[in-house]
Amino acid sequence: MRQAGWMTTIGAALLGACSPSSDADYNTVHVDPAQARAQAQIDRAAAAQGARTAARSGLPVATTTPTSAGARKLPVAFQGYWGRTPGDCALANVDAQGRLAIEADQLRFFRQRARVDALGELSANEVDATLSFKHDDTRWTHPTRLTLEQGGTRLLMVEQGDAGRPGQTARYQRC
């Protein structure tokens, strides 16, 4: 009997050493805030649609409302860096006067910018744009046709001039 009491005391001591301290909280799980937001969205969709419907149809996706700025965005195939010469494509060349950066709604030249005011897509490789140019304090607007050539590796830009400012034609290669 004495031996059984001794074993019980040792067993209790060993269990006490293995049990968690009162400071540790094993019920708390730290979750990344982005994951928590995603889980909350899943929970809301399941509550609104039912778990089975939410699992089948997926989560609702937010759609953007079309704006007037969306109608002025150049197609992705035109966007990027272009150069008149191979030296213009070297990004370390800060004096690249023939470099052109085409963004969604503007063109950036060496010393001037042009904002897309209106856009008409003629085909996947050709657009007509009304560009508002700005150079220092001078501003002008010209219709301009942008055409992708040679599988999208070359760009032909034909700016229609007017009586006050002649138009220009320029060829660029994709950087």
N, C-alpha and C. Protein backbone atom coordinates (compact mmCIF):
# COMPACT_ATOMS: atom_id res chain seq x y z
N MET A 1 0.82 -1.18 0.00
CA MET A 1 0.00 0.00 0.00
C MET A 1 0.86 1.24 0.00
N ARG A 2 1.94 1.16 0.77
CA ARG A 2 2.85 2.28 0.82
C ARG A 2 3.47 2.55 -0.54
N GLN A 3 3.74 1.48 -1.24
CA GLN A 3 4.36 1.62 -2.56
C GLN A 3 3.37 2.26 -3.53
N ALA A 4 2.11 1.94 -3.43
CA ALA A 4 1.10 2.52 -4.32
C ALA A 4 0.97 4.02 -4.06
N GLY A 5 1.05 4.46 -2.84
CA GLY A 5 0.97 5.88 -2.50
C GLY A 5 2.17 6.65 -3.03
N TRP A 6 3.34 5.99 -2.93
CA TRP A 6 4.56 6.59 -3.45
C TRP A 6 4.47 6.78 -4.96
N MET A 7 3.97 5.79 -5.68
CA MET A 7 3.84 5.85 -7.14
C MET A 7 2.83 6.93 -7.54
N THR A 8 1.80 7.09 -6.75
CA THR A 8 0.80 8.10 -7.05
C THR A 8 1.41 9.49 -6.91
N THR A 9 2.23 9.68 -5.89
CA THR A 9 2.87 10.97 -5.68
C THR A 9 3.82 11.29 -6.82
N ILE A 10 4.63 10.32 -7.26
CA ILE A 10 5.56 10.54 -8.38
C ILE A 10 4.79 10.82 -9.66
N GLY A 11 3.73 10.07 -9.90
CA GLY A 11 2.91 10.28 -11.11
C GLY A 11 2.30 11.67 -11.13
N ALA A 12 1.82 12.14 -9.98
CA ALA A 12 1.22 13.46 -9.90
C ALA A 12 2.28 14.54 -10.15
N ALA A 13 3.49 14.30 -9.62
CA ALA A 13 4.58 15.26 -9.82
C ALA A 13 4.96 15.33 -11.29
N LEU A 14 5.03 14.17 -11.95
CA LEU A 14 5.37 14.15 -13.38
C LEU A 14 4.29 14.81 -14.22
N LEU A 15 3.05 14.57 -13.91
CA LEU A 15 1.97 15.22 -14.64
C LEU A 15 1.98 16.73 -14.43
N GLY A 16 2.30 17.16 -13.25
CA GLY A 16 2.38 18.59 -12.96
C GLY A 16 3.48 19.26 -13.76
N ALA A 17 4.60 18.54 -13.96
CA ALA A 17 5.72 19.10 -14.73
C ALA A 17 5.38 19.18 -16.21
N CYS A 18 4.53 18.30 -16.70
CA CYS A 18 4.18 18.28 -18.12
C CYS A 18 3.01 19.17 -18.45
N SER A 19 2.24 19.55 -17.47
CA SER A 19 1.06 20.34 -17.77
C SER A 19 1.47 21.78 -18.11
N PRO A 20 0.68 22.46 -18.92
CA PRO A 20 1.03 23.83 -19.32
C PRO A 20 0.99 24.77 -18.12
N SER A 21 1.85 25.77 -18.19
CA SER A 21 1.85 26.75 -17.12
C SER A 21 0.62 27.63 -17.26
N SER A 22 0.32 28.34 -16.23
CA SER A 22 -0.87 29.17 -16.25
C SER A 22 -0.69 30.37 -17.18
N ASP A 23 0.56 30.69 -17.58
CA ASP A 23 0.82 31.83 -18.47
C ASP A 23 0.53 31.51 -19.93
N ALA A 24 0.65 30.26 -20.33
CA ALA A 24 0.46 29.90 -21.74
C ALA A 24 -1.02 29.83 -22.07
N ASP A 25 -1.39 30.38 -23.24
CA ASP A 25 -2.77 30.32 -23.70
C ASP A 25 -2.79 29.60 -25.04
N TYR A 26 -3.08 28.31 -25.01
CA TYR A 26 -3.04 27.51 -26.22
C TYR A 26 -4.33 27.62 -27.03
N ASN A 27 -5.28 28.37 -26.54
CA ASN A 27 -6.52 28.56 -27.27
C ASN A 27 -6.48 29.79 -28.18
N THR A 28 -5.43 30.58 -28.10
CA THR A 28 -5.29 31.76 -28.92
C THR A 28 -4.47 31.44 -30.16
N VAL A 29 -5.02 31.77 -31.33
CA VAL A 29 -4.32 31.55 -32.59
C VAL A 29 -4.14 32.90 -33.26
N HIS A 30 -2.92 33.21 -33.63
CA HIS A 30 -2.65 34.47 -34.29
C HIS A 30 -2.83 34.27 -35.80
N VAL A 31 -3.70 35.08 -36.41
CA VAL A 31 -4.04 34.94 -37.83
C VAL A 31 -3.64 36.23 -38.54
N ASP A 32 -3.09 36.08 -39.73
CA ASP A 32 -2.74 37.22 -40.56
C ASP A 32 -4.01 38.04 -40.83
N PRO A 33 -3.95 39.38 -40.75
CA PRO A 33 -5.16 40.19 -40.96
C PRO A 33 -5.81 39.97 -42.33
N ALA A 34 -5.01 39.76 -43.38
CA ALA A 34 -5.59 39.52 -44.71
C ALA A 34 -6.37 38.21 -44.73
N GLN A 35 -5.84 37.19 -44.05
CA GLN A 35 -6.55 35.92 -43.98
C GLN A 35 -7.83 36.05 -43.15
N ALA A 36 -7.77 36.86 -42.13
CA ALA A 36 -8.96 37.07 -41.30
C ALA A 36 -10.05 37.76 -42.10
N ARG A 37 -9.69 38.76 -42.92
CA ARG A 37 -10.67 39.44 -43.76
C ARG A 37 -11.27 38.47 -44.79
N ALA A 38 -10.43 37.63 -45.37
CA ALA A 38 -10.92 36.65 -46.35
C ALA A 38 -11.87 35.67 -45.69
N GLN A 39 -11.53 35.20 -44.51
CA GLN A 39 -12.41 34.27 -43.79
C GLN A 39 -13.72 34.94 -43.44
N ALA A 40 -13.68 36.20 -43.05
CA ALA A 40 -14.92 36.92 -42.72
C ALA A 40 -15.80 37.04 -43.97
N GLN A 41 -15.20 37.27 -45.13
CA GLN A 41 -15.97 37.36 -46.37
C GLN A 41 -16.61 36.01 -46.69
N ILE A 42 -15.87 34.92 -46.49
CA ILE A 42 -16.42 33.58 -46.70
C ILE A 42 -17.59 33.33 -45.76
N ASP A 43 -17.42 33.72 -44.50
CA ASP A 43 -18.49 33.52 -43.52
C ASP A 43 -19.74 34.32 -43.89
N ARG A 44 -19.57 35.57 -44.35
CA ARG A 44 -20.71 36.39 -44.75
C ARG A 44 -21.42 35.79 -45.96
N ALA A 45 -20.64 35.30 -46.94
CA ALA A 45 -21.26 34.69 -48.13
C ALA A 45 -22.01 33.42 -47.76
N ALA A 46 -21.45 32.62 -46.87
CA ALA A 46 -22.12 31.39 -46.43
C ALA A 46 -23.39 31.71 -45.67
N ALA A 47 -23.37 32.77 -44.85
CA ALA A 47 -24.56 33.16 -44.09
C ALA A 47 -25.64 33.69 -45.03
N ALA A 48 -25.25 34.44 -46.05
CA ALA A 48 -26.24 35.04 -46.96
C ALA A 48 -26.79 34.01 -47.95
N GLN A 49 -25.94 33.13 -48.48
CA GLN A 49 -26.35 32.23 -49.54
C GLN A 49 -26.59 30.80 -49.05
N GLY A 50 -26.11 30.48 -47.89
CA GLY A 50 -26.11 29.09 -47.44
C GLY A 50 -24.76 28.49 -47.80
N ALA A 51 -24.29 27.59 -46.98
CA ALA A 51 -22.94 27.04 -47.16
C ALA A 51 -22.79 26.30 -48.48
N ARG A 52 -23.80 25.52 -48.87
CA ARG A 52 -23.69 24.75 -50.12
C ARG A 52 -23.67 25.66 -51.34
N THR A 53 -24.53 26.65 -51.38
CA THR A 53 -24.57 27.57 -52.52
C THR A 53 -23.28 28.37 -52.60
N ALA A 54 -22.76 28.83 -51.47
CA ALA A 54 -21.50 29.59 -51.46
C ALA A 54 -20.35 28.72 -51.93
N ALA A 55 -20.35 27.45 -51.56
CA ALA A 55 -19.28 26.54 -51.98
C ALA A 55 -19.35 26.29 -53.49
N ARG A 56 -20.58 26.21 -54.04
CA ARG A 56 -20.73 25.96 -55.47
C ARG A 56 -20.46 27.21 -56.30
N SER A 57 -21.00 28.34 -55.90
CA SER A 57 -20.90 29.54 -56.72
C SER A 57 -19.66 30.37 -56.42
N GLY A 58 -19.03 30.16 -55.30
CA GLY A 58 -17.86 30.95 -54.94
C GLY A 58 -18.26 32.26 -54.29
N LEU A 59 -17.27 33.06 -53.99
CA LEU A 59 -17.51 34.33 -53.32
C LEU A 59 -17.91 35.39 -54.32
N PRO A 60 -18.71 36.35 -53.91
CA PRO A 60 -19.04 37.45 -54.82
C PRO A 60 -17.79 38.27 -55.09
N VAL A 61 -17.62 38.66 -56.33
CA VAL A 61 -16.46 39.44 -56.74
C VAL A 61 -16.90 40.87 -56.97
N ALA A 62 -16.18 41.79 -56.38
CA ALA A 62 -16.51 43.20 -56.57
C ALA A 62 -16.19 43.60 -58.01
N THR A 63 -17.11 44.30 -58.62
CA THR A 63 -16.89 44.77 -59.99
C THR A 63 -16.70 46.28 -59.95
N THR A 64 -15.87 46.77 -60.85
CA THR A 64 -15.64 48.20 -60.91
C THR A 64 -16.71 48.84 -61.77
N THR A 65 -17.09 50.01 -61.39
CA THR A 65 -18.07 50.76 -62.16
C THR A 65 -17.36 51.46 -63.30
N PRO A 66 -17.86 51.30 -64.53
CA PRO A 66 -17.21 51.97 -65.65
C PRO A 66 -17.24 53.49 -65.45
N THR A 67 -16.12 54.11 -65.75
CA THR A 67 -16.02 55.56 -65.63
C THR A 67 -15.55 56.13 -66.95
N SER A 68 -15.57 57.44 -67.06
CA SER A 68 -15.09 58.06 -68.28
C SER A 68 -13.59 57.81 -68.45
N ALA A 69 -12.86 57.64 -67.34
CA ALA A 69 -11.42 57.36 -67.43
C ALA A 69 -11.19 55.99 -68.06
N GLY A 70 -12.08 55.04 -67.83
CA GLY A 70 -11.93 53.71 -68.41
C GLY A 70 -12.01 53.74 -69.93
N ALA A 71 -12.78 54.66 -70.47
CA ALA A 71 -12.92 54.77 -71.92
C ALA A 71 -11.68 55.39 -72.56
N ARG A 72 -10.80 55.95 -71.75
CA ARG A 72 -9.59 56.59 -72.28
C ARG A 72 -8.35 55.74 -72.08
N LYS A 73 -8.49 54.52 -71.66
CA LYS A 73 -7.32 53.68 -71.38
C LYS A 73 -6.82 53.02 -72.64
N LEU A 74 -5.53 53.17 -72.88
CA LEU A 74 -4.90 52.51 -74.02
C LEU A 74 -4.83 51.01 -73.77
N PRO A 75 -5.01 50.19 -74.80
CA PRO A 75 -4.90 48.74 -74.61
C PRO A 75 -3.53 48.36 -74.06
N VAL A 76 -3.49 47.28 -73.31
CA VAL A 76 -2.27 46.82 -72.65
C VAL A 76 -1.15 46.56 -73.67
N ALA A 77 -1.50 46.12 -74.87
CA ALA A 77 -0.49 45.83 -75.89
C ALA A 77 0.34 47.06 -76.25
N PHE A 78 -0.19 48.26 -76.06
CA PHE A 78 0.53 49.49 -76.38
C PHE A 78 1.36 49.98 -75.20
N GLN A 79 1.04 49.57 -74.00
CA GLN A 79 1.69 50.09 -72.80
C GLN A 79 3.09 49.52 -72.64
N GLY A 80 3.97 50.34 -72.07
CA GLY A 80 5.34 49.92 -71.80
C GLY A 80 6.33 50.97 -72.28
N TYR A 81 7.59 50.59 -72.36
CA TYR A 81 8.65 51.50 -72.78
C TYR A 81 8.99 51.24 -74.24
N TRP A 82 9.20 52.34 -74.96
CA TRP A 82 9.53 52.30 -76.37
C TRP A 82 10.72 53.23 -76.59
N GLY A 83 11.52 52.94 -77.60
CA GLY A 83 12.67 53.80 -77.90
C GLY A 83 12.84 53.97 -79.40
N ARG A 84 13.31 55.16 -79.80
CA ARG A 84 13.57 55.40 -81.23
C ARG A 84 14.87 54.72 -81.66
N THR A 85 15.82 54.59 -80.73
CA THR A 85 17.09 53.93 -81.01
C THR A 85 17.34 52.90 -79.90
N PRO A 86 18.22 51.94 -80.12
CA PRO A 86 18.53 50.98 -79.04
C PRO A 86 19.06 51.66 -77.78
N GLY A 87 19.77 52.77 -77.92
CA GLY A 87 20.28 53.49 -76.75
C GLY A 87 19.18 54.10 -75.91
N ASP A 88 18.04 54.41 -76.53
CA ASP A 88 16.91 54.96 -75.78
C ASP A 88 16.29 53.95 -74.83
N CYS A 89 16.53 52.67 -75.09
CA CYS A 89 15.95 51.62 -74.25
C CYS A 89 16.79 51.33 -73.01
N ALA A 90 18.01 51.81 -72.97
CA ALA A 90 18.86 51.60 -71.80
C ALA A 90 18.34 52.48 -70.67
N LEU A 91 17.76 51.87 -69.64
CA LEU A 91 17.15 52.65 -68.57
C LEU A 91 18.16 53.49 -67.81
N ALA A 92 19.43 53.12 -67.84
CA ALA A 92 20.45 53.92 -67.18
C ALA A 92 20.74 55.20 -67.96
N ASN A 93 20.32 55.27 -69.20
CA ASN A 93 20.53 56.45 -70.04
C ASN A 93 19.48 57.50 -69.68
N VAL A 94 19.84 58.43 -68.81
CA VAL A 94 18.89 59.45 -68.37
C VAL A 94 18.68 60.53 -69.42
N ASP A 95 19.52 60.56 -70.44
CA ASP A 95 19.38 61.54 -71.52
C ASP A 95 18.77 60.92 -72.77
N ALA A 96 18.00 59.87 -72.63
CA ALA A 96 17.40 59.18 -73.77
C ALA A 96 16.25 60.03 -74.32
N GLN A 97 16.55 60.85 -75.30
CA GLN A 97 15.57 61.78 -75.83
C GLN A 97 14.52 61.09 -76.69
N GLY A 98 14.79 59.87 -77.14
CA GLY A 98 13.83 59.15 -77.96
C GLY A 98 13.01 58.13 -77.19
N ARG A 99 13.08 58.14 -75.88
CA ARG A 99 12.32 57.18 -75.07
C ARG A 99 10.88 57.66 -74.91
N LEU A 100 9.98 56.70 -74.97
CA LEU A 100 8.55 56.96 -74.80
C LEU A 100 8.01 55.93 -73.82
N ALA A 101 7.34 56.40 -72.80
CA ALA A 101 6.67 55.51 -71.84
C ALA A 101 5.18 55.67 -72.03
N ILE A 102 4.52 54.57 -72.40
CA ILE A 102 3.07 54.61 -72.60
C ILE A 102 2.43 53.94 -71.39
N GLU A 103 1.58 54.70 -70.72
CA GLU A 103 0.83 54.19 -69.58
C GLU A 103 -0.63 54.09 -70.01
N ALA A 104 -1.50 53.70 -69.12
CA ALA A 104 -2.90 53.47 -69.47
C ALA A 104 -3.57 54.70 -70.07
N ASP A 105 -3.29 55.87 -69.52
CA ASP A 105 -4.00 57.05 -70.00
C ASP A 105 -3.08 58.24 -70.30
N GLN A 106 -1.78 57.97 -70.46
CA GLN A 106 -0.87 59.05 -70.82
C GLN A 106 0.38 58.52 -71.50
N LEU A 107 1.03 59.40 -72.24
CA LEU A 107 2.30 59.11 -72.89
C LEU A 107 3.32 60.07 -72.32
N ARG A 108 4.49 59.57 -71.93
CA ARG A 108 5.55 60.42 -71.39
C ARG A 108 6.74 60.39 -72.33
N PHE A 109 7.06 61.53 -72.88
CA PHE A 109 8.21 61.69 -73.75
C PHE A 109 9.36 62.26 -72.91
N PHE A 110 10.49 62.57 -73.57
CA PHE A 110 11.65 63.07 -72.85
C PHE A 110 11.33 64.38 -72.13
N ARG A 111 10.73 65.32 -72.80
CA ARG A 111 10.46 66.63 -72.19
C ARG A 111 8.99 67.03 -72.23
N GLN A 112 8.11 66.14 -72.58
CA GLN A 112 6.69 66.49 -72.63
C GLN A 112 5.84 65.29 -72.27
N ARG A 113 4.59 65.59 -71.98
CA ARG A 113 3.61 64.56 -71.66
C ARG A 113 2.40 64.76 -72.55
N ALA A 114 1.66 63.67 -72.74
CA ALA A 114 0.41 63.76 -73.48
C ALA A 114 -0.63 62.92 -72.74
N ARG A 115 -1.75 63.54 -72.43
CA ARG A 115 -2.84 62.85 -71.76
C ARG A 115 -3.84 62.38 -72.82
N VAL A 116 -4.38 61.19 -72.65
CA VAL A 116 -5.38 60.67 -73.58
C VAL A 116 -6.73 61.29 -73.21
N ASP A 117 -7.27 62.10 -74.13
CA ASP A 117 -8.58 62.72 -73.90
C ASP A 117 -9.71 61.88 -74.46
N ALA A 118 -9.46 61.24 -75.61
CA ALA A 118 -10.47 60.39 -76.24
C ALA A 118 -9.74 59.26 -76.94
N LEU A 119 -10.42 58.13 -77.07
CA LEU A 119 -9.78 56.96 -77.66
C LEU A 119 -10.78 56.20 -78.50
N GLY A 120 -10.35 55.84 -79.70
CA GLY A 120 -11.15 55.00 -80.58
C GLY A 120 -10.31 53.82 -81.02
N GLU A 121 -10.75 52.61 -80.68
CA GLU A 121 -9.98 51.42 -81.03
C GLU A 121 -10.43 50.95 -82.40
N LEU A 122 -9.53 51.02 -83.38
CA LEU A 122 -9.83 50.60 -84.73
C LEU A 122 -9.67 49.10 -84.90
N SER A 123 -8.66 48.54 -84.26
CA SER A 123 -8.41 47.10 -84.25
C SER A 123 -7.55 46.80 -83.04
N ALA A 124 -7.15 45.54 -82.90
CA ALA A 124 -6.30 45.16 -81.77
C ALA A 124 -4.93 45.82 -81.87
N ASN A 125 -4.53 46.23 -83.08
CA ASN A 125 -3.20 46.80 -83.28
C ASN A 125 -3.23 48.26 -83.69
N GLU A 126 -4.39 48.91 -83.64
CA GLU A 126 -4.45 50.29 -84.09
C GLU A 126 -5.52 51.06 -83.32
N VAL A 127 -5.12 52.23 -82.80
CA VAL A 127 -6.06 53.10 -82.09
C VAL A 127 -5.89 54.53 -82.57
N ASP A 128 -6.99 55.26 -82.55
CA ASP A 128 -6.97 56.69 -82.77
C ASP A 128 -7.19 57.35 -81.43
N ALA A 129 -6.31 58.27 -81.07
CA ALA A 129 -6.41 58.94 -79.77
C ALA A 129 -6.34 60.45 -79.97
N THR A 130 -7.09 61.15 -79.17
CA THR A 130 -6.95 62.60 -79.08
C THR A 130 -6.06 62.85 -77.88
N LEU A 131 -4.87 63.40 -78.14
CA LEU A 131 -3.89 63.60 -77.09
C LEU A 131 -3.75 65.08 -76.77
N SER A 132 -3.73 65.39 -75.50
CA SER A 132 -3.46 66.76 -75.02
C SER A 132 -2.01 66.79 -74.57
N PHE A 133 -1.19 67.48 -75.34
CA PHE A 133 0.24 67.56 -75.06
C PHE A 133 0.51 68.72 -74.13
N LYS A 134 1.57 68.56 -73.34
CA LYS A 134 2.03 69.64 -72.46
C LYS A 134 3.55 69.63 -72.47
N HIS A 135 4.12 70.78 -72.79
CA HIS A 135 5.57 70.96 -72.77
C HIS A 135 5.84 72.32 -72.14
N ASP A 136 6.45 72.32 -70.95
CA ASP A 136 6.64 73.53 -70.17
C ASP A 136 5.27 74.18 -69.96
N ASP A 137 5.09 75.41 -70.46
CA ASP A 137 3.80 76.09 -70.31
C ASP A 137 2.95 76.02 -71.57
N THR A 138 3.42 75.33 -72.58
CA THR A 138 2.71 75.24 -73.85
C THR A 138 1.83 74.00 -73.85
N ARG A 139 0.61 74.16 -74.34
CA ARG A 139 -0.34 73.05 -74.42
C ARG A 139 -0.97 73.03 -75.81
N TRP A 140 -1.22 71.83 -76.33
CA TRP A 140 -1.90 71.68 -77.60
C TRP A 140 -2.56 70.30 -77.66
N THR A 141 -3.55 70.18 -78.50
CA THR A 141 -4.27 68.91 -78.66
C THR A 141 -4.23 68.51 -80.12
N HIS A 142 -3.87 67.24 -80.36
CA HIS A 142 -3.82 66.71 -81.73
C HIS A 142 -4.39 65.29 -81.77
N PRO A 143 -5.11 64.99 -82.84
CA PRO A 143 -5.48 63.59 -83.07
C PRO A 143 -4.22 62.80 -83.45
N THR A 144 -4.08 61.62 -82.92
CA THR A 144 -2.88 60.81 -83.15
C THR A 144 -3.29 59.36 -83.36
N ARG A 145 -2.67 58.73 -84.35
CA ARG A 145 -2.92 57.30 -84.59
C ARG A 145 -1.71 56.51 -84.13
N LEU A 146 -1.96 55.50 -83.31
CA LEU A 146 -0.92 54.59 -82.83
C LEU A 146 -1.16 53.22 -83.46
N THR A 147 -0.11 52.68 -84.10
CA THR A 147 -0.23 51.40 -84.78
C THR A 147 0.90 50.48 -84.34
N LEU A 148 0.55 49.27 -83.90
CA LEU A 148 1.55 48.26 -83.56
C LEU A 148 1.90 47.50 -84.84
N GLU A 149 3.18 47.31 -85.05
CA GLU A 149 3.66 46.59 -86.23
C GLU A 149 4.59 45.47 -85.80
N GLN A 150 4.86 44.57 -86.71
CA GLN A 150 5.81 43.46 -86.50
C GLN A 150 5.54 42.72 -85.19
N GLY A 151 4.30 42.29 -85.05
CA GLY A 151 3.94 41.49 -83.88
C GLY A 151 3.99 42.24 -82.57
N GLY A 152 3.81 43.54 -82.60
CA GLY A 152 3.81 44.34 -81.37
C GLY A 152 5.19 44.78 -80.92
N THR A 153 6.22 44.57 -81.76
CA THR A 153 7.57 44.98 -81.38
C THR A 153 7.91 46.37 -81.89
N ARG A 154 7.12 46.91 -82.78
CA ARG A 154 7.33 48.26 -83.34
C ARG A 154 6.05 49.07 -83.17
N LEU A 155 6.23 50.36 -83.00
CA LEU A 155 5.11 51.28 -82.84
C LEU A 155 5.27 52.43 -83.82
N LEU A 156 4.23 52.69 -84.58
CA LEU A 156 4.20 53.84 -85.47
C LEU A 156 3.23 54.84 -84.87
N MET A 157 3.71 56.06 -84.65
CA MET A 157 2.88 57.12 -84.08
C MET A 157 2.78 58.24 -85.09
N VAL A 158 1.56 58.51 -85.55
CA VAL A 158 1.33 59.57 -86.54
C VAL A 158 0.45 60.62 -85.89
N GLU A 159 1.04 61.77 -85.61
CA GLU A 159 0.34 62.89 -84.98
C GLU A 159 -0.14 63.83 -86.09
N GLN A 160 -1.44 64.09 -86.13
CA GLN A 160 -2.00 65.02 -87.13
C GLN A 160 -1.76 66.45 -86.64
N GLY A 161 -1.13 67.23 -87.46
CA GLY A 161 -0.84 68.61 -87.08
C GLY A 161 -1.98 69.54 -87.41
N ASP A 162 -1.75 70.80 -87.15
CA ASP A 162 -2.70 71.85 -87.54
C ASP A 162 -1.90 73.05 -87.99
N ALA A 163 -2.57 74.17 -88.26
CA ALA A 163 -1.89 75.36 -88.78
C ALA A 163 -0.86 75.91 -87.80
N GLY A 164 -1.13 75.80 -86.51
CA GLY A 164 -0.23 76.35 -85.51
C GLY A 164 0.93 75.45 -85.14
N ARG A 165 0.79 74.16 -85.32
CA ARG A 165 1.83 73.22 -84.91
C ARG A 165 1.78 72.02 -85.83
N PRO A 166 2.87 71.76 -86.53
CA PRO A 166 2.86 70.63 -87.46
C PRO A 166 2.85 69.29 -86.72
N GLY A 167 2.26 68.31 -87.36
CA GLY A 167 2.23 66.97 -86.79
C GLY A 167 3.57 66.28 -87.01
N GLN A 168 3.74 65.14 -86.35
CA GLN A 168 4.98 64.39 -86.47
C GLN A 168 4.67 62.92 -86.66
N THR A 169 5.59 62.24 -87.32
CA THR A 169 5.52 60.79 -87.46
C THR A 169 6.78 60.21 -86.84
N ALA A 170 6.62 59.20 -86.00
CA ALA A 170 7.79 58.61 -85.35
C ALA A 170 7.60 57.11 -85.26
N ARG A 171 8.70 56.38 -85.39
CA ARG A 171 8.71 54.91 -85.22
C ARG A 171 9.51 54.60 -83.96
N TYR A 172 8.99 53.64 -83.21
CA TYR A 172 9.62 53.22 -81.97
C TYR A 172 9.76 51.70 -81.97
N GLN A 173 10.73 51.21 -81.22
CA GLN A 173 10.86 49.77 -80.99
C GLN A 173 10.58 49.52 -79.52
N ARG A 174 10.00 48.37 -79.23
CA ARG A 174 9.67 48.04 -77.83
C ARG A 174 10.96 47.76 -77.07
N CYS A 175 11.07 48.32 -75.89
CA CYS A 175 12.25 48.11 -75.05
C CYS A 175 12.12 46.82 -74.28
